[in-house]
C-alpha atoms as a PDB file:
ATOM      1  CA  MET A   1     -65.286  27.575 -10.997  1.00  0.00           C
ATOM      2  CA  ILE A   2     -66.738  27.353 -14.216  1.00  0.00           C
ATOM      3  CA  PHE A   3     -64.334  24.771 -16.961  1.00  0.00           C
ATOM      4  CA  ASP A   4     -64.042  25.054 -20.144  1.00  0.00           C
ATOM      5  CA  THR A   5     -64.429  20.735 -20.711  1.00  0.00           C
ATOM      6  CA  THR A   6     -63.110  21.117 -24.435  1.00  0.00           C
ATOM      7  CA  ARG A   7     -60.325  22.588 -22.986  1.00  0.00           C
ATOM      8  CA  GLY A   8     -59.491  21.989 -20.024  1.00  0.00           C
ATOM      9  CA  MET A   9     -59.183  25.201 -18.309  1.00  0.00           C
ATOM     10  CA  PRO A  10     -61.065  27.429 -16.334  1.00  0.00           C
ATOM     11  CA  ALA A  11     -63.699  29.429 -18.658  1.00  0.00           C
ATOM     12  CA  ASP A  12     -63.790  32.638 -16.667  1.00  0.00           C
ATOM     13  CA  LEU A  13     -60.031  33.186 -16.235  1.00  0.00           C
ATOM     14  CA  PRO A  14     -58.676  36.733 -18.848  1.00  0.00           C
ATOM     15  CA  LEU A  15     -56.279  35.214 -21.126  1.00  0.00           C
ATOM     16  CA  GLY A  16     -52.082  36.239 -21.070  1.00  0.00           C
ATOM     17  CA  GLU A  17     -49.605  37.257 -22.857  1.00  0.00           C
ATOM     18  CA  THR A  18     -46.502  35.746 -25.058  1.00  0.00           C
ATOM     19  CA  TRP A  19     -43.615  37.656 -25.277  1.00  0.00           C
ATOM     20  CA  GLY A  20     -40.848  37.382 -27.971  1.00  0.00           C
ATOM     21  CA  PHE A  21     -37.106  38.477 -27.563  1.00  0.00           C
ATOM     22  CA  ALA A  22     -35.106  40.864 -30.637  1.00  0.00           C
ATOM     23  CA  GLN A  23     -31.583  40.648 -29.272  1.00  0.00           C
ATOM     24  CA  MET A  24     -30.221  44.301 -30.685  1.00  0.00           C
ATOM     25  CA  SER A  25     -26.376  44.128 -29.657  1.00  0.00           C
ATOM     26  CA  ASN A  26     -23.981  41.475 -29.381  1.00  0.00           C
ATOM     27  CA  ALA A  27     -23.768  41.737 -25.833  1.00  0.00           C
ATOM     28  CA  GLY A  28     -27.378  40.332 -25.553  1.00  0.00           C
ATOM     29  CA  LYS A  29     -29.640  43.523 -24.514  1.00  0.00           C
ATOM     30  CA  GLY A  30     -32.472  43.692 -26.479  1.00  0.00           C
ATOM     31  CA  TYR A  31     -36.438  44.461 -26.154  1.00  0.00           C
ATOM     32  CA  TRP A  32     -39.232  41.916 -25.291  1.00  0.00           C
ATOM     33  CA  TYR A  33     -41.927  42.200 -27.512  1.00  0.00           C
ATOM     34  CA  LYS A  34     -45.851  41.517 -27.525  1.00  0.00           C
ATOM     35  CA  ILE A  35     -46.342  38.213 -29.958  1.00  0.00           C
ATOM     36  CA  GLY A  36     -49.378  36.639 -28.902  1.00  0.00           C
ATOM     37  CA  LEU A  37     -52.101  35.136 -26.183  1.00  0.00           C
ATOM     38  CA  GLY A  38     -51.312  32.763 -23.290  1.00  0.00           C
ATOM     39  CA  ARG A  39     -52.438  31.017 -20.545  1.00  0.00           C
ATOM     40  CA  GLY A  40     -51.883  27.890 -18.549  1.00  0.00           C
ATOM     41  CA  ASP A  41     -53.945  24.098 -18.116  1.00  0.00           C
ATOM     42  CA  GLU A  42     -55.264  21.871 -15.464  1.00  0.00           C
ATOM     43  CA  ALA A  43     -52.139  20.078 -16.428  1.00  0.00           C
ATOM     44  CA  GLY A  44     -49.534  22.870 -15.588  1.00  0.00           C
ATOM     45  CA  ARG A  45     -48.151  23.417 -18.872  1.00  0.00           C
ATOM     46  CA  ALA A  46     -48.511  27.128 -20.582  1.00  0.00           C
ATOM     47  CA  LEU A  47     -50.242  27.094 -23.804  1.00  0.00           C
ATOM     48  CA  GLY A  48     -49.525  30.497 -26.076  1.00  0.00           C
ATOM     49  CA  LYS A  49     -50.933  31.686 -29.218  1.00  0.00           C
ATOM     50  CA  VAL A  50     -47.936  33.648 -31.302  1.00  0.00           C
ATOM     51  CA  ASN A  51     -49.233  35.821 -34.046  1.00  0.00           C
ATOM     52  CA  THR A  52     -46.061  37.448 -34.729  1.00  0.00           C
ATOM     53  CA  SER A  53     -42.320  37.473 -34.140  1.00  0.00           C
ATOM     54  CA  PRO A  54     -40.073  40.595 -33.362  1.00  0.00           C
ATOM     55  CA  PHE A  55     -38.943  41.385 -36.007  1.00  0.00           C
ATOM     56  CA  LYS A  56     -35.403  39.719 -38.007  1.00  0.00           C
ATOM     57  CA  THR A  57     -33.646  39.834 -34.847  1.00  0.00           C
ATOM     58  CA  PHE A  58     -35.733  37.094 -32.555  1.00  0.00           C
ATOM     59  CA  THR A  59     -33.838  34.667 -30.826  1.00  0.00           C
ATOM     60  CA  GLY A  60     -36.329  32.318 -30.455  1.00  0.00           C
ATOM     61  CA  ASP A  61     -36.690  33.093 -27.067  1.00  0.00           C
ATOM     62  CA  ILE A  62     -40.573  33.062 -25.649  1.00  0.00           C
ATOM     63  CA  ILE A  63     -41.913  33.895 -22.631  1.00  0.00           C
ATOM     64  CA  ILE A  64     -45.827  32.603 -21.732  1.00  0.00           C
ATOM     65  CA  CYS A  65     -47.258  35.206 -18.947  1.00  0.00           C
ATOM     66  CA  VAL A  66     -50.597  33.852 -17.458  1.00  0.00           C
ATOM     67  CA  HIS A  67     -53.165  36.253 -16.597  1.00  0.00           C
ATOM     68  CA  GLY A  68     -51.618  37.873 -13.398  1.00  0.00           C
ATOM     69  CA  THR A  69     -48.019  37.329 -13.672  1.00  0.00           C
ATOM     70  CA  ARG A  70     -45.561  40.436 -14.515  1.00  0.00           C
ATOM     71  CA  PRO A  71     -44.284  40.656 -18.383  1.00  0.00           C
ATOM     72  CA  PRO A  72     -40.353  40.071 -18.872  1.00  0.00           C
ATOM     73  CA  GLY A  73     -37.972  43.005 -18.929  1.00  0.00           C
ATOM     74  CA  ALA A  74     -38.316  46.807 -17.865  1.00  0.00           C
ATOM     75  CA  ALA A  75     -41.768  49.184 -18.485  1.00  0.00           C
ATOM     76  CA  PRO A  76     -41.645  50.862 -21.819  1.00  0.00           C
ATOM     77  CA  ASP A  77     -40.612  54.438 -22.106  1.00  0.00           C
ATOM     78  CA  PRO A  78     -44.182  56.304 -22.479  1.00  0.00           C
ATOM     79  CA  LEU A  79     -42.773  58.219 -25.161  1.00  0.00           C
ATOM     80  CA  PHE A  80     -42.050  54.817 -27.267  1.00  0.00           C
ATOM     81  CA  PRO A  81     -44.854  52.149 -25.803  1.00  0.00           C
ATOM     82  CA  LEU A  82     -45.149  49.685 -28.984  1.00  0.00           C
ATOM     83  CA  LEU A  83     -45.468  46.887 -26.163  1.00  0.00           C
ATOM     84  CA  ARG A  84     -41.578  46.778 -26.125  1.00  0.00           C
ATOM     85  CA  ARG A  85     -39.620  46.095 -22.902  1.00  0.00           C
ATOM     86  CA  SER A  86     -36.409  46.606 -23.097  1.00  0.00           C
ATOM     87  CA  GLY A  87     -34.181  43.338 -20.963  1.00  0.00           C
ATOM     88  CA  VAL A  88     -32.123  40.629 -21.482  1.00  0.00           C
ATOM     89  CA  VAL A  89     -33.280  37.142 -21.928  1.00  0.00           C
ATOM     90  CA  GLU A  90     -32.640  35.543 -18.212  1.00  0.00           C
ATOM     91  CA  GLU A  91     -30.963  32.380 -17.631  1.00  0.00           C
ATOM     92  CA  ASP A  92     -31.314  30.404 -13.877  1.00  0.00           C
ATOM     93  CA  PRO A  93     -28.871  27.016 -14.185  1.00  0.00           C
ATOM     94  CA  ASP A  94     -30.590  25.736 -11.616  1.00  0.00           C
ATOM     95  CA  VAL A  95     -34.117  25.091 -13.068  1.00  0.00           C
ATOM     96  CA  THR A  96     -35.386  21.312 -14.660  1.00  0.00           C
ATOM     97  CA  LEU A  97     -36.030  21.721 -18.304  1.00  0.00           C
ATOM     98  CA  GLY A  98     -38.825  20.806 -19.974  1.00  0.00           C
ATOM     99  CA  VAL A  99     -40.080  20.198 -23.476  1.00  0.00           C
ATOM    100  CA  MET A 100     -41.045  22.772 -25.807  1.00  0.00           C
ATOM    101  CA  TRP A 101     -44.220  21.934 -28.372  1.00  0.00           C
ATOM    102  CA  GLY A 102     -45.595  23.414 -31.643  1.00  0.00           C
ATOM    103  CA  HIS A 103     -49.201  22.180 -32.946  1.00  0.00           C
ATOM    104  CA  SER A 104     -49.018  21.235 -36.579  1.00  0.00           C
ATOM    105  CA  ALA A 105     -52.288  21.480 -38.104  1.00  0.00           C
ATOM    106  CA  LYS A 106     -51.481  18.899 -40.883  1.00  0.00           C
ATOM    107  CA  PHE A 107     -55.696  19.260 -42.412  1.00  0.00           C
ATOM    108  CA  ARG A 108     -57.985  22.002 -43.647  1.00  0.00           C
ATOM    109  CA  SER A 109     -59.478  21.652 -40.047  1.00  0.00           C
ATOM    110  CA  GLY A 110     -57.564  22.844 -37.979  1.00  0.00           C
ATOM    111  CA  LYS A 111     -56.509  19.465 -36.756  1.00  0.00           C
ATOM    112  CA  GLY A 112     -53.034  17.745 -35.915  1.00  0.00           C
ATOM    113  CA  TYR A 113     -50.183  17.188 -33.678  1.00  0.00           C
ATOM    114  CA  TYR A 114     -47.833  18.501 -31.120  1.00  0.00           C
ATOM    115  CA  GLU A 115     -43.732  18.252 -32.576  1.00  0.00           C
ATOM    116  CA  GLU A 116     -40.875  19.020 -30.101  1.00  0.00           C
ATOM    117  CA  ALA A 117     -39.709  22.789 -30.913  1.00  0.00           C
ATOM    118  CA  GLY A 118     -37.020  23.250 -28.044  1.00  0.00           C
ATOM    119  CA  ILE A 119     -37.263  23.407 -24.317  1.00  0.00           C
ATOM    120  CA  GLY A 120     -38.738  24.856 -21.779  1.00  0.00           C
ATOM    121  CA  TRP A 121     -38.906  26.203 -18.201  1.00  0.00           C
ATOM    122  CA  PHE A 122     -40.935  27.848 -15.746  1.00  0.00           C
ATOM    123  CA  ASP A 123     -39.260  30.311 -13.225  1.00  0.00           C
ATOM    124  CA  GLN A 124     -40.260  31.086  -9.611  1.00  0.00           C
ATOM    125  CA  LEU A 125     -42.759  34.209 -11.041  1.00  0.00           C
ATOM    126  CA  GLY A 126     -45.053  31.547 -12.392  1.00  0.00           C
ATOM    127  CA  ARG A 127     -43.870  32.774 -16.244  1.00  0.00           C
ATOM    128  CA  ALA A 128     -42.992  30.022 -18.497  1.00  0.00           C
ATOM    129  CA  HIS A 129     -39.997  30.497 -20.745  1.00  0.00           C
ATOM    130  CA  GLY A 130     -39.390  28.977 -23.585  1.00  0.00           C
ATOM    131  CA  ARG A 131     -36.291  28.764 -26.648  1.00  0.00           C
ATOM    132  CA  PHE A 132     -37.032  27.268 -29.928  1.00  0.00           C
ATOM    133  CA  LEU A 133     -34.205  24.967 -30.794  1.00  0.00           C
ATOM    134  CA  LEU A 134     -35.629  22.985 -33.919  1.00  0.00           C
ATOM    135  CA  THR A 135     -37.152  23.391 -37.263  1.00  0.00           C
ATOM    136  CA  ILE A 136     -40.727  22.537 -36.606  1.00  0.00           C
ATOM    137  CA  SER A 137     -42.251  21.210 -39.907  1.00  0.00           C
ATOM    138  CA  SER A 138     -44.983  22.419 -42.572  1.00  0.00           C
ATOM    139  CA  GLY A 139     -47.533  23.567 -41.058  1.00  0.00           C
ATOM    140  CA  PHE A 140     -47.255  25.354 -38.066  1.00  0.00           C
ATOM    141  CA  LYS A 141     -49.289  27.824 -36.790  1.00  0.00           C
ATOM    142  CA  GLY A 142     -48.093  29.267 -34.156  1.00  0.00           C
ATOM    143  CA  PHE A 143     -49.360  27.656 -31.290  1.00  0.00           C
ATOM    144  CA  ILE A 144     -47.469  26.061 -28.547  1.00  0.00           C
ATOM    145  CA  ALA A 145     -46.987  24.260 -25.656  1.00  0.00           C
ATOM    146  CA  ILE A 146     -44.310  24.621 -22.654  1.00  0.00           C
ATOM    147  CA  CYS A 147     -44.414  21.498 -20.554  1.00  0.00           C
ATOM    148  CA  PRO A 148     -43.267  20.652 -17.170  1.00  0.00           C
ATOM    149  CA  PRO A 149     -40.785  17.589 -16.836  1.00  0.00           C
ATOM    150  CA  GLY A 150     -42.913  15.056 -17.258  1.00  0.00           C
ATOM    151  CA  VAL A 151     -46.008  16.225 -18.720  1.00  0.00           C
ATOM    152  CA  LYS A 152     -47.063  15.487 -22.519  1.00  0.00           C
ATOM    153  CA  PRO A 153     -48.261  18.251 -24.345  1.00  0.00           C
ATOM    154  CA  PRO A 154     -52.297  18.032 -24.593  1.00  0.00           C
ATOM    155  CA  GLN A 155     -53.493  15.140 -26.983  1.00  0.00           C
ATOM    156  CA  ASP A 156     -56.433  17.019 -28.549  1.00  0.00           C
ATOM    157  CA  PRO A 157     -56.013  17.256 -32.208  1.00  0.00           C
ATOM    158  CA  MET A 158     -57.114  20.457 -32.462  1.00  0.00           C
ATOM    159  CA  PRO A 159     -54.782  23.335 -31.697  1.00  0.00           C
ATOM    160  CA  PRO A 160     -56.021  25.346 -28.194  1.00  0.00           C
ATOM    161  CA  SER A 161     -58.246  28.059 -27.689  1.00  0.00           C
ATOM    162  CA  PHE A 162     -57.500  31.674 -26.493  1.00  0.00           C
ATOM    163  CA  ILE A 163     -61.065  32.920 -26.236  1.00  0.00           C
ATOM    164  CA  GLN A 164     -61.638  35.784 -23.642  1.00  0.00           C
ATOM    165  CA  PRO A 165     -64.679  35.409 -21.160  1.00  0.00           C
ATOM    166  CA  ILE A 166     -68.169  37.045 -21.083  1.00  0.00           C
ATOM    167  CA  HIS A 167     -67.348  39.740 -18.310  1.00  0.00           C
ATOM    168  CA  THR A 168     -70.448  39.994 -16.045  1.00  0.00           C
ATOM    169  CA  ASP A 169     -70.350  43.739 -15.568  1.00  0.00           C
ATOM    170  CA  ASP A 170     -71.248  45.724 -19.691  1.00  0.00           C
ATOM    171  CA  THR A 171     -68.255  47.043 -19.714  1.00  0.00           C
ATOM    172  CA  ASP A 172     -63.996  46.528 -18.601  1.00  0.00           C
ATOM    173  CA  ASP A 173     -61.730  48.773 -17.037  1.00  0.00           C
ATOM    174  CA  SER A 174     -61.137  51.092 -20.508  1.00  0.00           C
ATOM    175  CA  GLY A 175     -65.262  51.391 -20.889  1.00  0.00           C
ATOM    176  CA  ASP A 176     -65.334  49.050 -24.378  1.00  0.00           C
ATOM    177  CA  CYS A 177     -68.085  46.642 -23.796  1.00  0.00           C
ATOM    178  CA  GLN A 178     -66.706  43.004 -23.930  1.00  0.00           C
ATOM    179  CA  GLU A 179     -67.601  40.374 -25.914  1.00  0.00           C
ATOM    180  CA  ASN A 180     -66.706  36.321 -26.185  1.00  0.00           C
ATOM    181  CA  SER A 181     -64.323  36.914 -29.216  1.00  0.00           C
ATOM    182  CA  GLU A 182     -60.776  35.790 -30.123  1.00  0.00           C
ATOM    183  CA  LEU A 183     -58.186  38.210 -29.398  1.00  0.00           C
ATOM    184  CA  LEU A 184     -55.447  39.597 -31.607  1.00  0.00           C
END
């Protein structure tokens, strides 16, 4: 296995997804929307790149699914597959809470530091759940880290990278050529 030494992750692992919840009823039902990319690192943290939030009803609940983990909620209706899955925010009272951090870029180069942004926990399926509780100061660019208890956020002043690895074959499952490029 080859490691990306600048970011501490295996360089040959595909990226996962970050999902955000939009509540649609007072009963807590709503939809999970794909809002970005996700991956794990060698310290057990879940790292996410949030590109957008799901409409104005975003509750601040997110799930980072590393490659190979099941997305939250039920599968979308094939007639309306806009990367959304119906469901609810799952609660697990027996889980140990960690911290969710947001990377605040303070310089034009993108350098900055992590600020506490909320709580986080990991479920038995390997997904990282987060809930935004605090307002991050200006400069937040959508990079988050959900850390297990006792694990600090990455110390690198640059936000994590989300680069899809180069595949050894010429095409992926859809028949499209793959390149080493940032997604979304």
